[in-house]
Amino acid sequence: MPPVSSAPPAAAYRFLLSRQWVVLTLVALLLIPGMVRLGFWQLHRHEDRVARNELVAESLAADPVPVGQLAAPGRGPADADRYRRVTATGVYDTGGERVVRQRTGEDGRSIGYHVLTPLVREDGTAVLVNRGWVPAGEDLTRFPEVPAPPSGEVTVTGRLMADEEAGGGVKDKQGLPPRQVMLIDSARMAEELDRPVLGGYVALEETSPEPSGEQPQLLPEPDRSGIGPHLAYAFQWWLFAVAVPVGWVVLVRRERRDRLARASGAEGEAEADGAANRPADGRADGGAPAGRPAPTPSGAGAAHRPAD
């Protein structure tokens, strides 16, 4: 039968006080709340995406309203009014037209420009109209060929959007070629046009009367069905958080088992070495075997033997 370790239970876990295990335990304790927080962060992103989809669907389904009801010079649309369909009537200011660089086409691969043309209303204020996408030419330092907007007074219908901000890989670069911008910024356009400009911009959907000739490619409606992988990522982080303490317990039990096995093996080797050092006849000190009388020397026997 293999020898059994007599170490008390507390002593069997004394290795947890070693530097290696203290560091490992602290790392595990730090990982668990971090993974839980990352899971909730992904959950909140999922909820934001669902709320955005609902907002887009409701806004696109609503009847259009005059843009002046939802925006004003220096004030863009409220969060609840983003993507709302609005109308605006005025005359296009081709001299104030700009193109927005590094924008992809409807296929998601082609790089070109968004055409941003101010529409001057009867009261002298302007609203920025994103008329759509045009491909980039070979020379990016020159203003691209842009189809002319309809002349005279027109009424446009489109989605009201907020001003753009740097982020998501788009930077507000300086020193661009004339009439080219990186972001749609109504406040900056107001300074350049020297006239009041309503906050935000309108992504064009329809024009009345309809323009003749070629026009920029209208922007597609924003996606309102996709929810992304955020919910799945949230559950993954929470599973990782559960797996950390489970893995820690498994490692502790394995380490304890291995240490007990090594200790038992060392005790067995010690007993085997002791047995190997004993004489084969069972004498511990070179004397007579246990249970047998010691032999009498031959001389002593002869002295007590009777004479013939």
C-alpha atoms as a PDB file:
ATOM      1  CA  MET A   1       0.000   0.000   0.000  1.00  0.00           C
ATOM      2  CA  PRO A   2       1.454   3.428  -0.929  1.00  0.00           C
ATOM      3  CA  PRO A   3       2.308   5.673   1.985  1.00  0.00           C
ATOM      4  CA  VAL A   4      -0.229   8.324   2.906  1.00  0.00           C
ATOM      5  CA  SER A   5       0.878  11.861   3.667  1.00  0.00           C
ATOM      6  CA  SER A   6       0.161  12.945   7.199  1.00  0.00           C
ATOM      7  CA  ALA A   7       0.283  16.696   6.359  1.00  0.00           C
ATOM      8  CA  PRO A   8      -2.671  18.622   7.826  1.00  0.00           C
ATOM      9  CA  PRO A   9      -5.142  20.172   5.291  1.00  0.00           C
ATOM     10  CA  ALA A  10      -3.942  23.719   5.967  1.00  0.00           C
ATOM     11  CA  ALA A  11      -0.334  22.778   5.316  1.00  0.00           C
ATOM     12  CA  ALA A  12      -1.288  21.239   1.970  1.00  0.00           C
ATOM     13  CA  TYR A  13      -2.287  24.707   0.733  1.00  0.00           C
ATOM     14  CA  ARG A  14       0.696  26.563   2.107  1.00  0.00           C
ATOM     15  CA  PHE A  15       2.043  26.970  -1.418  1.00  0.00           C
ATOM     16  CA  LEU A  16      -0.627  29.662  -1.978  1.00  0.00           C
ATOM     17  CA  LEU A  17       1.560  32.004   0.066  1.00  0.00           C
ATOM     18  CA  SER A  18       4.421  31.706  -2.406  1.00  0.00           C
ATOM     19  CA  ARG A  19       5.204  34.718  -4.591  1.00  0.00           C
ATOM     20  CA  GLN A  20       4.138  32.962  -7.768  1.00  0.00           C
ATOM     21  CA  TRP A  21       0.712  32.044  -6.431  1.00  0.00           C
ATOM     22  CA  VAL A  22       0.129  35.395  -4.746  1.00  0.00           C
ATOM     23  CA  VAL A  23       0.754  37.154  -8.082  1.00  0.00           C
ATOM     24  CA  LEU A  24      -1.456  34.689  -9.935  1.00  0.00           C
ATOM     25  CA  THR A  25      -4.280  35.173  -7.435  1.00  0.00           C
ATOM     26  CA  LEU A  26      -4.055  38.964  -7.591  1.00  0.00           C
ATOM     27  CA  VAL A  27      -4.162  38.891 -11.402  1.00  0.00           C
ATOM     28  CA  ALA A  28      -7.264  36.681 -11.269  1.00  0.00           C
ATOM     29  CA  LEU A  29      -8.953  39.028  -8.791  1.00  0.00           C
ATOM     30  CA  LEU A  30      -8.241  41.988 -11.077  1.00  0.00           C
ATOM     31  CA  LEU A  31      -9.422  40.221 -14.224  1.00  0.00           C
ATOM     32  CA  ILE A  32     -12.844  39.256 -12.903  1.00  0.00           C
ATOM     33  CA  PRO A  33     -14.291  42.766 -12.309  1.00  0.00           C
ATOM     34  CA  GLY A  34     -12.603  44.035 -15.476  1.00  0.00           C
ATOM     35  CA  MET A  35     -14.281  41.362 -17.586  1.00  0.00           C
ATOM     36  CA  VAL A  36     -17.630  41.999 -15.914  1.00  0.00           C
ATOM     37  CA  ARG A  37     -17.363  45.708 -16.735  1.00  0.00           C
ATOM     38  CA  LEU A  38     -16.415  44.951 -20.347  1.00  0.00           C
ATOM     39  CA  GLY A  39     -19.491  42.737 -20.600  1.00  0.00           C
ATOM     40  CA  PHE A  40     -21.766  45.543 -19.393  1.00  0.00           C
ATOM     41  CA  TRP A  41     -20.024  47.973 -21.761  1.00  0.00           C
ATOM     42  CA  GLN A  42     -20.851  45.711 -24.695  1.00  0.00           C
ATOM     43  CA  LEU A  43     -24.403  45.323 -23.383  1.00  0.00           C
ATOM     44  CA  HIS A  44     -24.827  49.102 -23.283  1.00  0.00           C
ATOM     45  CA  ARG A  45     -23.510  49.352 -26.845  1.00  0.00           C
ATOM     46  CA  HIS A  46     -26.088  46.767 -27.883  1.00  0.00           C
ATOM     47  CA  GLU A  47     -28.852  48.739 -26.168  1.00  0.00           C
ATOM     48  CA  ASP A  48     -27.667  51.960 -27.840  1.00  0.00           C
ATOM     49  CA  ARG A  49     -27.724  50.263 -31.227  1.00  0.00           C
ATOM     50  CA  VAL A  50     -31.243  48.943 -30.673  1.00  0.00           C
ATOM     51  CA  ALA A  51     -32.414  52.386 -29.538  1.00  0.00           C
ATOM     52  CA  ARG A  52     -30.804  53.982 -32.602  1.00  0.00           C
ATOM     53  CA  ASN A  53     -32.524  51.515 -34.920  1.00  0.00           C
ATOM     54  CA  GLU A  54     -35.874  52.322 -33.325  1.00  0.00           C
ATOM     55  CA  LEU A  55     -35.197  56.050 -33.649  1.00  0.00           C
ATOM     56  CA  VAL A  56     -34.242  55.732 -37.318  1.00  0.00           C
ATOM     57  CA  ALA A  57     -37.309  53.650 -38.115  1.00  0.00           C
ATOM     58  CA  GLU A  58     -39.674  56.064 -36.363  1.00  0.00           C
ATOM     59  CA  SER A  59     -38.023  59.142 -37.891  1.00  0.00           C
ATOM     60  CA  LEU A  60     -38.134  57.818 -41.432  1.00  0.00           C
ATOM     61  CA  ALA A  61     -41.752  56.760 -41.030  1.00  0.00           C
ATOM     62  CA  ALA A  62     -42.869  60.190 -39.785  1.00  0.00           C
ATOM     63  CA  ASP A  63     -44.232  62.852 -42.112  1.00  0.00           C
ATOM     64  CA  PRO A  64     -41.698  65.517 -43.164  1.00  0.00           C
ATOM     65  CA  VAL A  65     -41.721  68.837 -41.303  1.00  0.00           C
ATOM     66  CA  PRO A  66     -40.101  72.195 -42.197  1.00  0.00           C
ATOM     67  CA  VAL A  67     -36.440  72.156 -41.240  1.00  0.00           C
ATOM     68  CA  GLY A  68     -36.834  75.375 -39.264  1.00  0.00           C
ATOM     69  CA  GLN A  69     -38.920  73.514 -36.675  1.00  0.00           C
ATOM     70  CA  LEU A  70     -36.020  71.278 -35.685  1.00  0.00           C
ATOM     71  CA  ALA A  71     -32.907  73.375 -36.341  1.00  0.00           C
ATOM     72  CA  ALA A  72     -31.796  77.003 -36.223  1.00  0.00           C
ATOM     73  CA  PRO A  73     -28.590  78.972 -36.865  1.00  0.00           C
ATOM     74  CA  GLY A  74     -26.036  77.690 -34.386  1.00  0.00           C
ATOM     75  CA  ARG A  75     -28.354  74.923 -33.134  1.00  0.00           C
ATOM     76  CA  GLY A  76     -28.487  71.484 -34.629  1.00  0.00           C
ATOM     77  CA  PRO A  77     -31.196  68.868 -34.217  1.00  0.00           C
ATOM     78  CA  ALA A  78     -31.836  67.304 -30.821  1.00  0.00           C
ATOM     79  CA  ASP A  79     -30.935  63.650 -30.445  1.00  0.00           C
ATOM     80  CA  ALA A  80     -34.585  62.660 -30.714  1.00  0.00           C
ATOM     81  CA  ASP A  81     -34.906  64.614 -33.997  1.00  0.00           C
ATOM     82  CA  ARG A  82     -31.978  63.049 -35.811  1.00  0.00           C
ATOM     83  CA  TYR A  83     -32.928  61.240 -39.044  1.00  0.00           C
ATOM     84  CA  ARG A  84     -36.277  63.075 -39.125  1.00  0.00           C
ATOM     85  CA  ARG A  85     -37.477  63.826 -42.627  1.00  0.00           C
ATOM     86  CA  VAL A  86     -37.594  67.570 -43.216  1.00  0.00           C
ATOM     87  CA  THR A  87     -38.273  69.953 -46.066  1.00  0.00           C
ATOM     88  CA  ALA A  88     -36.553  73.196 -47.071  1.00  0.00           C
ATOM     89  CA  THR A  89     -37.214  75.656 -49.872  1.00  0.00           C
ATOM     90  CA  GLY A  90     -34.647  77.992 -51.375  1.00  0.00           C
ATOM     91  CA  VAL A  91     -32.002  78.522 -54.040  1.00  0.00           C
ATOM     92  CA  TYR A  92     -28.731  76.627 -54.223  1.00  0.00           C
ATOM     93  CA  ASP A  93     -25.545  78.667 -53.654  1.00  0.00           C
ATOM     94  CA  THR A  94     -23.069  76.989 -56.017  1.00  0.00           C
ATOM     95  CA  GLY A  95     -20.322  79.412 -55.018  1.00  0.00           C
ATOM     96  CA  GLY A  96     -20.415  78.069 -51.465  1.00  0.00           C
ATOM     97  CA  GLU A  97     -20.401  74.444 -52.558  1.00  0.00           C
ATOM     98  CA  ARG A  98     -17.877  72.127 -50.862  1.00  0.00           C
ATOM     99  CA  VAL A  99     -16.898  68.472 -51.205  1.00  0.00           C
ATOM    100  CA  VAL A 100     -16.285  66.203 -48.217  1.00  0.00           C
ATOM    101  CA  ARG A 101     -13.252  63.977 -48.707  1.00  0.00           C
ATOM    102  CA  GLN A 102     -12.754  60.229 -48.141  1.00  0.00           C
ATOM    103  CA  ARG A 103     -16.345  59.069 -48.419  1.00  0.00           C
ATOM    104  CA  THR A 104     -17.294  55.642 -49.703  1.00  0.00           C
ATOM    105  CA  GLY A 105     -19.872  54.992 -52.379  1.00  0.00           C
ATOM    106  CA  GLU A 106     -22.940  52.804 -52.143  1.00  0.00           C
ATOM    107  CA  ASP A 107     -20.861  49.690 -52.882  1.00  0.00           C
ATOM    108  CA  GLY A 108     -18.825  50.290 -49.707  1.00  0.00           C
ATOM    109  CA  ARG A 109     -15.500  50.157 -51.578  1.00  0.00           C
ATOM    110  CA  SER A 110     -15.234  53.109 -53.960  1.00  0.00           C
ATOM    111  CA  ILE A 111     -13.713  56.263 -52.464  1.00  0.00           C
ATOM    112  CA  GLY A 112     -14.978  59.683 -53.460  1.00  0.00           C
ATOM    113  CA  TYR A 113     -16.643  62.825 -52.127  1.00  0.00           C
ATOM    114  CA  HIS A 114     -19.929  63.956 -50.668  1.00  0.00           C
ATOM    115  CA  VAL A 115     -21.241  67.091 -52.342  1.00  0.00           C
ATOM    116  CA  LEU A 116     -22.300  69.729 -49.810  1.00  0.00           C
ATOM    117  CA  THR A 117     -24.259  72.643 -51.282  1.00  0.00           C
ATOM    118  CA  PRO A 118     -25.859  75.475 -49.230  1.00  0.00           C
ATOM    119  CA  LEU A 119     -29.533  76.093 -49.907  1.00  0.00           C
ATOM    120  CA  VAL A 120     -30.320  79.759 -49.198  1.00  0.00           C
ATOM    121  CA  ARG A 121     -33.824  80.253 -47.870  1.00  0.00           C
ATOM    122  CA  GLU A 122     -36.085  83.282 -48.281  1.00  0.00           C
ATOM    123  CA  ASP A 123     -35.035  84.758 -44.922  1.00  0.00           C
ATOM    124  CA  GLY A 124     -31.352  84.695 -45.922  1.00  0.00           C
ATOM    125  CA  THR A 125     -30.371  81.746 -43.757  1.00  0.00           C
ATOM    126  CA  ALA A 126     -28.853  78.694 -45.376  1.00  0.00           C
ATOM    127  CA  VAL A 127     -29.227  74.989 -44.767  1.00  0.00           C
ATOM    128  CA  LEU A 128     -26.487  72.612 -45.850  1.00  0.00           C
ATOM    129  CA  VAL A 129     -27.702  69.928 -48.258  1.00  0.00           C
ATOM    130  CA  ASN A 130     -25.669  66.781 -48.800  1.00  0.00           C
ATOM    131  CA  ARG A 131     -26.609  66.136 -52.427  1.00  0.00           C
ATOM    132  CA  GLY A 132     -24.885  62.758 -52.586  1.00  0.00           C
ATOM    133  CA  TRP A 133     -21.684  61.009 -53.632  1.00  0.00           C
ATOM    134  CA  VAL A 134     -19.375  61.506 -56.606  1.00  0.00           C
ATOM    135  CA  PRO A 135     -16.269  59.463 -57.446  1.00  0.00           C
ATOM    136  CA  ALA A 136     -12.816  60.874 -56.883  1.00  0.00           C
ATOM    137  CA  GLY A 137     -10.772  61.916 -59.881  1.00  0.00           C
ATOM    138  CA  GLU A 138      -7.134  61.069 -60.507  1.00  0.00           C
ATOM    139  CA  ASP A 139      -5.904  64.371 -59.067  1.00  0.00           C
ATOM    140  CA  LEU A 140      -7.091  64.654 -55.453  1.00  0.00           C
ATOM    141  CA  THR A 141      -5.716  68.178 -55.166  1.00  0.00           C
ATOM    142  CA  ARG A 142      -8.239  69.554 -57.630  1.00  0.00           C
ATOM    143  CA  PHE A 143     -11.957  70.132 -57.139  1.00  0.00           C
ATOM    144  CA  PRO A 144     -13.753  67.156 -58.708  1.00  0.00           C
ATOM    145  CA  GLU A 145     -16.306  67.332 -61.481  1.00  0.00           C
ATOM    146  CA  VAL A 146     -19.634  67.781 -59.719  1.00  0.00           C
ATOM    147  CA  PRO A 147     -23.020  67.809 -61.499  1.00  0.00           C
ATOM    148  CA  ALA A 148     -24.593  71.231 -61.190  1.00  0.00           C
ATOM    149  CA  PRO A 149     -27.561  71.549 -58.837  1.00  0.00           C
ATOM    150  CA  PRO A 150     -30.984  72.617 -60.148  1.00  0.00           C
ATOM    151  CA  SER A 151     -31.254  76.342 -60.768  1.00  0.00           C
ATOM    152  CA  GLY A 152     -33.990  78.528 -59.392  1.00  0.00           C
ATOM    153  CA  GLU A 153     -36.123  77.870 -56.340  1.00  0.00           C
ATOM    154  CA  VAL A 154     -36.440  74.243 -55.315  1.00  0.00           C
ATOM    155  CA  THR A 155     -37.911  72.333 -52.408  1.00  0.00           C
ATOM    156  CA  VAL A 156     -35.793  69.534 -51.019  1.00  0.00           C
ATOM    157  CA  THR A 157     -36.785  66.669 -48.734  1.00  0.00           C
ATOM    158  CA  GLY A 158     -34.243  64.703 -46.769  1.00  0.00           C
ATOM    159  CA  ARG A 159     -33.038  63.342 -43.461  1.00  0.00           C
ATOM    160  CA  LEU A 160     -31.913  65.849 -40.850  1.00  0.00           C
ATOM    161  CA  MET A 161     -28.460  64.942 -39.514  1.00  0.00           C
ATOM    162  CA  ALA A 162     -26.215  66.410 -36.841  1.00  0.00           C
ATOM    163  CA  ASP A 163     -22.860  68.031 -37.551  1.00  0.00           C
ATOM    164  CA  GLU A 164     -20.006  65.575 -37.880  1.00  0.00           C
ATOM    165  CA  GLU A 165     -17.177  65.250 -35.359  1.00  0.00           C
ATOM    166  CA  ALA A 166     -13.714  63.777 -35.679  1.00  0.00           C
ATOM    167  CA  GLY A 167     -13.541  60.114 -34.809  1.00  0.00           C
ATOM    168  CA  GLY A 168     -14.043  56.688 -36.310  1.00  0.00           C
ATOM    169  CA  GLY A 169     -10.925  57.044 -38.452  1.00  0.00           C
ATOM    170  CA  VAL A 170     -11.893  60.494 -39.821  1.00  0.00           C
ATOM    171  CA  LYS A 171      -9.640  63.380 -38.794  1.00  0.00           C
ATOM    172  CA  ASP A 172     -10.224  67.078 -39.326  1.00  0.00           C
ATOM    173  CA  LYS A 173      -7.097  67.733 -41.379  1.00  0.00           C
ATOM    174  CA  GLN A 174      -5.826  71.201 -42.133  1.00  0.00           C
ATOM    175  CA  GLY A 175      -4.240  72.549 -45.323  1.00  0.00           C
ATOM    176  CA  LEU A 176      -6.670  70.842 -47.693  1.00  0.00           C
ATOM    177  CA  PRO A 177      -7.141  71.960 -51.294  1.00  0.00           C
ATOM    178  CA  PRO A 178      -9.638  74.819 -51.831  1.00  0.00           C
ATOM    179  CA  ARG A 179     -13.324  74.004 -51.254  1.00  0.00           C
ATOM    180  CA  GLN A 180     -12.544  70.611 -49.738  1.00  0.00           C
ATOM    181  CA  VAL A 181     -13.320  69.614 -46.143  1.00  0.00           C
ATOM    182  CA  MET A 182     -13.036  66.491 -44.019  1.00  0.00           C
ATOM    183  CA  LEU A 183     -16.124  67.004 -41.863  1.00  0.00           C
ATOM    184  CA  ILE A 184     -19.525  68.635 -42.251  1.00  0.00           C
ATOM    185  CA  ASP A 185     -19.428  71.526 -39.771  1.00  0.00           C
ATOM    186  CA  SER A 186     -22.227  74.088 -40.044  1.00  0.00           C
ATOM    187  CA  ALA A 187     -20.501  76.614 -37.766  1.00  0.00           C
ATOM    188  CA  ARG A 188     -17.372  76.647 -39.929  1.00  0.00           C
ATOM    189  CA  MET A 189     -19.472  76.929 -43.069  1.00  0.00           C
ATOM    190  CA  ALA A 190     -21.314  79.914 -41.579  1.00  0.00           C
ATOM    191  CA  GLU A 191     -17.975  81.708 -41.155  1.00  0.00           C
ATOM    192  CA  GLU A 192     -16.860  80.907 -44.689  1.00  0.00           C
ATOM    193  CA  LEU A 193     -20.204  81.848 -46.260  1.00  0.00           C
ATOM    194  CA  ASP A 194     -20.621  84.918 -44.037  1.00  0.00           C
ATOM    195  CA  ARG A 195     -24.287  84.136 -43.490  1.00  0.00           C
ATOM    196  CA  PRO A 196     -26.346  82.323 -40.819  1.00  0.00           C
ATOM    197  CA  VAL A 197     -26.410  78.560 -41.356  1.00  0.00           C
ATOM    198  CA  LEU A 198     -28.776  76.135 -39.655  1.00  0.00           C
ATOM    199  CA  GLY A 199     -27.070  73.567 -37.469  1.00  0.00           C
ATOM    200  CA  GLY A 200     -26.622  70.104 -38.940  1.00  0.00           C
ATOM    201  CA  TYR A 201     -27.350  69.227 -42.549  1.00  0.00           C
ATOM    202  CA  VAL A 202     -29.953  67.536 -44.740  1.00  0.00           C
ATOM    203  CA  ALA A 203     -29.162  64.253 -46.511  1.00  0.00           C
ATOM    204  CA  LEU A 204     -31.072  64.708 -49.760  1.00  0.00           C
ATOM    205  CA  GLU A 205     -33.832  62.273 -50.728  1.00  0.00           C
ATOM    206  CA  GLU A 206     -36.063  64.173 -53.154  1.00  0.00           C
ATOM    207  CA  THR A 207     -36.067  67.455 -55.074  1.00  0.00           C
ATOM    208  CA  SER A 208     -39.086  69.315 -56.426  1.00  0.00           C
ATOM    209  CA  PRO A 209     -39.142  70.063 -59.267  1.00  0.00           C
ATOM    210  CA  GLU A 210     -37.039  67.067 -60.234  1.00  0.00           C
ATOM    211  CA  PRO A 211     -33.627  68.010 -61.643  1.00  0.00           C
ATOM    212  CA  SER A 212     -32.746  67.219 -65.214  1.00  0.00           C
ATOM    213  CA  GLY A 213     -29.509  65.594 -66.132  1.00  0.00           C
ATOM    214  CA  GLU A 214     -27.045  63.636 -64.049  1.00  0.00           C
ATOM    215  CA  GLN A 215     -26.933  64.244 -60.308  1.00  0.00           C
ATOM    216  CA  PRO A 216     -24.723  62.907 -57.484  1.00  0.00           C
ATOM    217  CA  GLN A 217     -25.542  59.440 -56.201  1.00  0.00           C
ATOM    218  CA  LEU A 218     -28.027  59.832 -53.355  1.00  0.00           C
ATOM    219  CA  LEU A 219     -26.914  58.501 -50.000  1.00  0.00           C
ATOM    220  CA  PRO A 220     -28.564  55.244 -48.896  1.00  0.00           C
ATOM    221  CA  GLU A 221     -30.857  55.209 -45.906  1.00  0.00           C
ATOM    222  CA  PRO A 222     -29.103  54.400 -42.620  1.00  0.00           C
ATOM    223  CA  ASP A 223     -29.236  50.779 -41.538  1.00  0.00           C
ATOM    224  CA  ARG A 224     -32.021  50.206 -39.025  1.00  0.00           C
ATOM    225  CA  SER A 225     -31.979  46.426 -38.766  1.00  0.00           C
ATOM    226  CA  GLY A 226     -28.479  45.355 -37.844  1.00  0.00           C
ATOM    227  CA  ILE A 227     -27.619  45.091 -34.154  1.00  0.00           C
ATOM    228  CA  GLY A 228     -23.983  44.063 -34.465  1.00  0.00           C
ATOM    229  CA  PRO A 229     -22.142  41.498 -32.328  1.00  0.00           C
ATOM    230  CA  HIS A 230     -22.217  43.494 -29.090  1.00  0.00           C
ATOM    231  CA  LEU A 231     -24.644  41.231 -27.220  1.00  0.00           C
ATOM    232  CA  ALA A 232     -22.612  38.146 -28.094  1.00  0.00           C
ATOM    233  CA  TYR A 233     -19.443  39.928 -26.944  1.00  0.00           C
ATOM    234  CA  ALA A 234     -21.136  40.780 -23.634  1.00  0.00           C
ATOM    235  CA  PHE A 235     -21.919  37.127 -22.922  1.00  0.00           C
ATOM    236  CA  GLN A 236     -18.382  36.140 -23.917  1.00  0.00           C
ATOM    237  CA  TRP A 237     -16.850  38.558 -21.406  1.00  0.00           C
ATOM    238  CA  TRP A 238     -19.141  37.284 -18.655  1.00  0.00           C
ATOM    239  CA  LEU A 239     -18.218  33.691 -19.470  1.00  0.00           C
ATOM    240  CA  PHE A 240     -14.563  34.645 -19.241  1.00  0.00           C
ATOM    241  CA  ALA A 241     -15.246  36.221 -15.834  1.00  0.00           C
ATOM    242  CA  VAL A 242     -16.760  32.940 -14.618  1.00  0.00           C
ATOM    243  CA  ALA A 243     -13.963  30.877 -16.155  1.00  0.00           C
ATOM    244  CA  VAL A 244     -11.225  32.738 -14.246  1.00  0.00           C
ATOM    245  CA  PRO A 245     -12.157  31.553 -10.704  1.00  0.00           C
ATOM    246  CA  VAL A 246     -13.008  28.091 -12.031  1.00  0.00           C
ATOM    247  CA  GLY A 247      -9.608  27.878 -13.693  1.00  0.00           C
ATOM    248  CA  TRP A 248      -7.938  29.152 -10.521  1.00  0.00           C
ATOM    249  CA  VAL A 249      -9.562  26.388  -8.435  1.00  0.00           C
ATOM    250  CA  VAL A 250      -8.558  23.748 -10.979  1.00  0.00           C
ATOM    251  CA  LEU A 251      -4.950  24.926 -10.902  1.00  0.00           C
ATOM    252  CA  VAL A 252      -4.901  24.985  -7.078  1.00  0.00           C
ATOM    253  CA  ARG A 253      -6.265  21.435  -6.830  1.00  0.00           C
ATOM    254  CA  ARG A 254      -3.804  20.186  -9.425  1.00  0.00           C
ATOM    255  CA  GLU A 255      -0.895  21.858  -7.655  1.00  0.00           C
ATOM    256  CA  ARG A 256      -1.989  20.373  -4.304  1.00  0.00           C
ATOM    257  CA  ARG A 257      -2.317  16.903  -5.829  1.00  0.00           C
ATOM    258  CA  ASP A 258       1.097  17.109  -7.471  1.00  0.00           C
ATOM    259  CA  ARG A 259       2.742  18.297  -4.257  1.00  0.00           C
ATOM    260  CA  LEU A 260       1.132  15.504  -2.204  1.00  0.00           C
ATOM    261  CA  ALA A 261       2.220  12.970  -4.799  1.00  0.00           C
ATOM    262  CA  ARG A 262       5.802  14.229  -4.669  1.00  0.00           C
ATOM    263  CA  ALA A 263       5.788  14.181  -0.858  1.00  0.00           C
ATOM    264  CA  SER A 264       4.423  10.621  -0.777  1.00  0.00           C
ATOM    265  CA  GLY A 265       7.012   9.570  -3.326  1.00  0.00           C
ATOM    266  CA  ALA A 266       9.805  11.058  -1.194  1.00  0.00           C
ATOM    267  CA  GLU A 267       8.590   9.197   1.916  1.00  0.00           C
ATOM    268  CA  GLY A 268       8.433   5.936  -0.016  1.00  0.00           C
ATOM    269  CA  GLU A 269      11.987   6.404  -1.288  1.00  0.00           C
ATOM    270  CA  ALA A 270      13.228   7.100   2.235  1.00  0.00           C
ATOM    271  CA  GLU A 271      11.693   3.876   3.560  1.00  0.00           C
ATOM    272  CA  ALA A 272      13.075   1.934   0.628  1.00  0.00           C
ATOM    273  CA  ASP A 273      16.562   3.306   1.287  1.00  0.00           C
ATOM    274  CA  GLY A 274      16.297   2.285   4.967  1.00  0.00           C
ATOM    275  CA  ALA A 275      15.278  -1.231   4.054  1.00  0.00           C
ATOM    276  CA  ALA A 276      18.134  -1.530   1.588  1.00  0.00           C
ATOM    277  CA  ASN A 277      20.695  -0.627   4.281  1.00  0.00           C
ATOM    278  CA  ARG A 278      19.615  -3.468   6.643  1.00  0.00           C
ATOM    279  CA  PRO A 279      21.520  -6.891   6.514  1.00  0.00           C
ATOM    280  CA  ALA A 280      19.699  -9.635   4.703  1.00  0.00           C
ATOM    281  CA  ASP A 281      19.500 -11.901   7.867  1.00  0.00           C
ATOM    282  CA  GLY A 282      17.525  -9.234   9.726  1.00  0.00           C
ATOM    283  CA  ARG A 283      20.321  -8.165  12.153  1.00  0.00           C
ATOM    284  CA  ALA A 284      20.346  -4.475  12.795  1.00  0.00           C
ATOM    285  CA  ASP A 285      23.825  -4.300  14.412  1.00  0.00           C
ATOM    286  CA  GLY A 286      25.713  -7.318  13.132  1.00  0.00           C
ATOM    287  CA  GLY A 287      24.640  -9.520  16.130  1.00  0.00           C
ATOM    288  CA  ALA A 288      22.629 -12.689  16.121  1.00  0.00           C
ATOM    289  CA  PRO A 289      19.463 -12.867  14.212  1.00  0.00           C
ATOM    290  CA  ALA A 290      16.386 -12.146  16.209  1.00  0.00           C
ATOM    291  CA  GLY A 291      15.142 -15.246  18.123  1.00  0.00           C
ATOM    292  CA  ARG A 292      18.432 -17.233  17.823  1.00  0.00           C
ATOM    293  CA  PRO A 293      21.182 -17.733  20.492  1.00  0.00           C
ATOM    294  CA  ALA A 294      24.559 -16.373  19.647  1.00  0.00           C
ATOM    295  CA  PRO A 295      27.075 -19.092  18.650  1.00  0.00           C
ATOM    296  CA  THR A 296      29.674 -20.089  21.231  1.00  0.00           C
ATOM    297  CA  PRO A 297      33.319 -19.716  20.262  1.00  0.00           C
ATOM    298  CA  SER A 298      35.043 -23.086  19.599  1.00  0.00           C
ATOM    299  CA  GLY A 299      37.746 -22.486  22.192  1.00  0.00           C
ATOM    300  CA  ALA A 300      35.305 -21.941  24.979  1.00  0.00           C
ATOM    301  CA  GLY A 301      33.487 -25.118  24.067  1.00  0.00           C
ATOM    302  CA  ALA A 302      36.653 -27.162  24.250  1.00  0.00           C
ATOM    303  CA  ALA A 303      37.466 -25.954  27.743  1.00  0.00           C
ATOM    304  CA  HIS A 304      34.256 -27.320  29.139  1.00  0.00           C
ATOM    305  CA  ARG A 305      34.366 -30.559  27.177  1.00  0.00           C
ATOM    306  CA  PRO A 306      35.194 -33.622  29.499  1.00  0.00           C
ATOM    307  CA  ALA A 307      38.487 -35.294  28.966  1.00  0.00           C
ATOM    308  CA  ASP A 308      38.582 -38.612  27.209  1.00  0.00           C
END
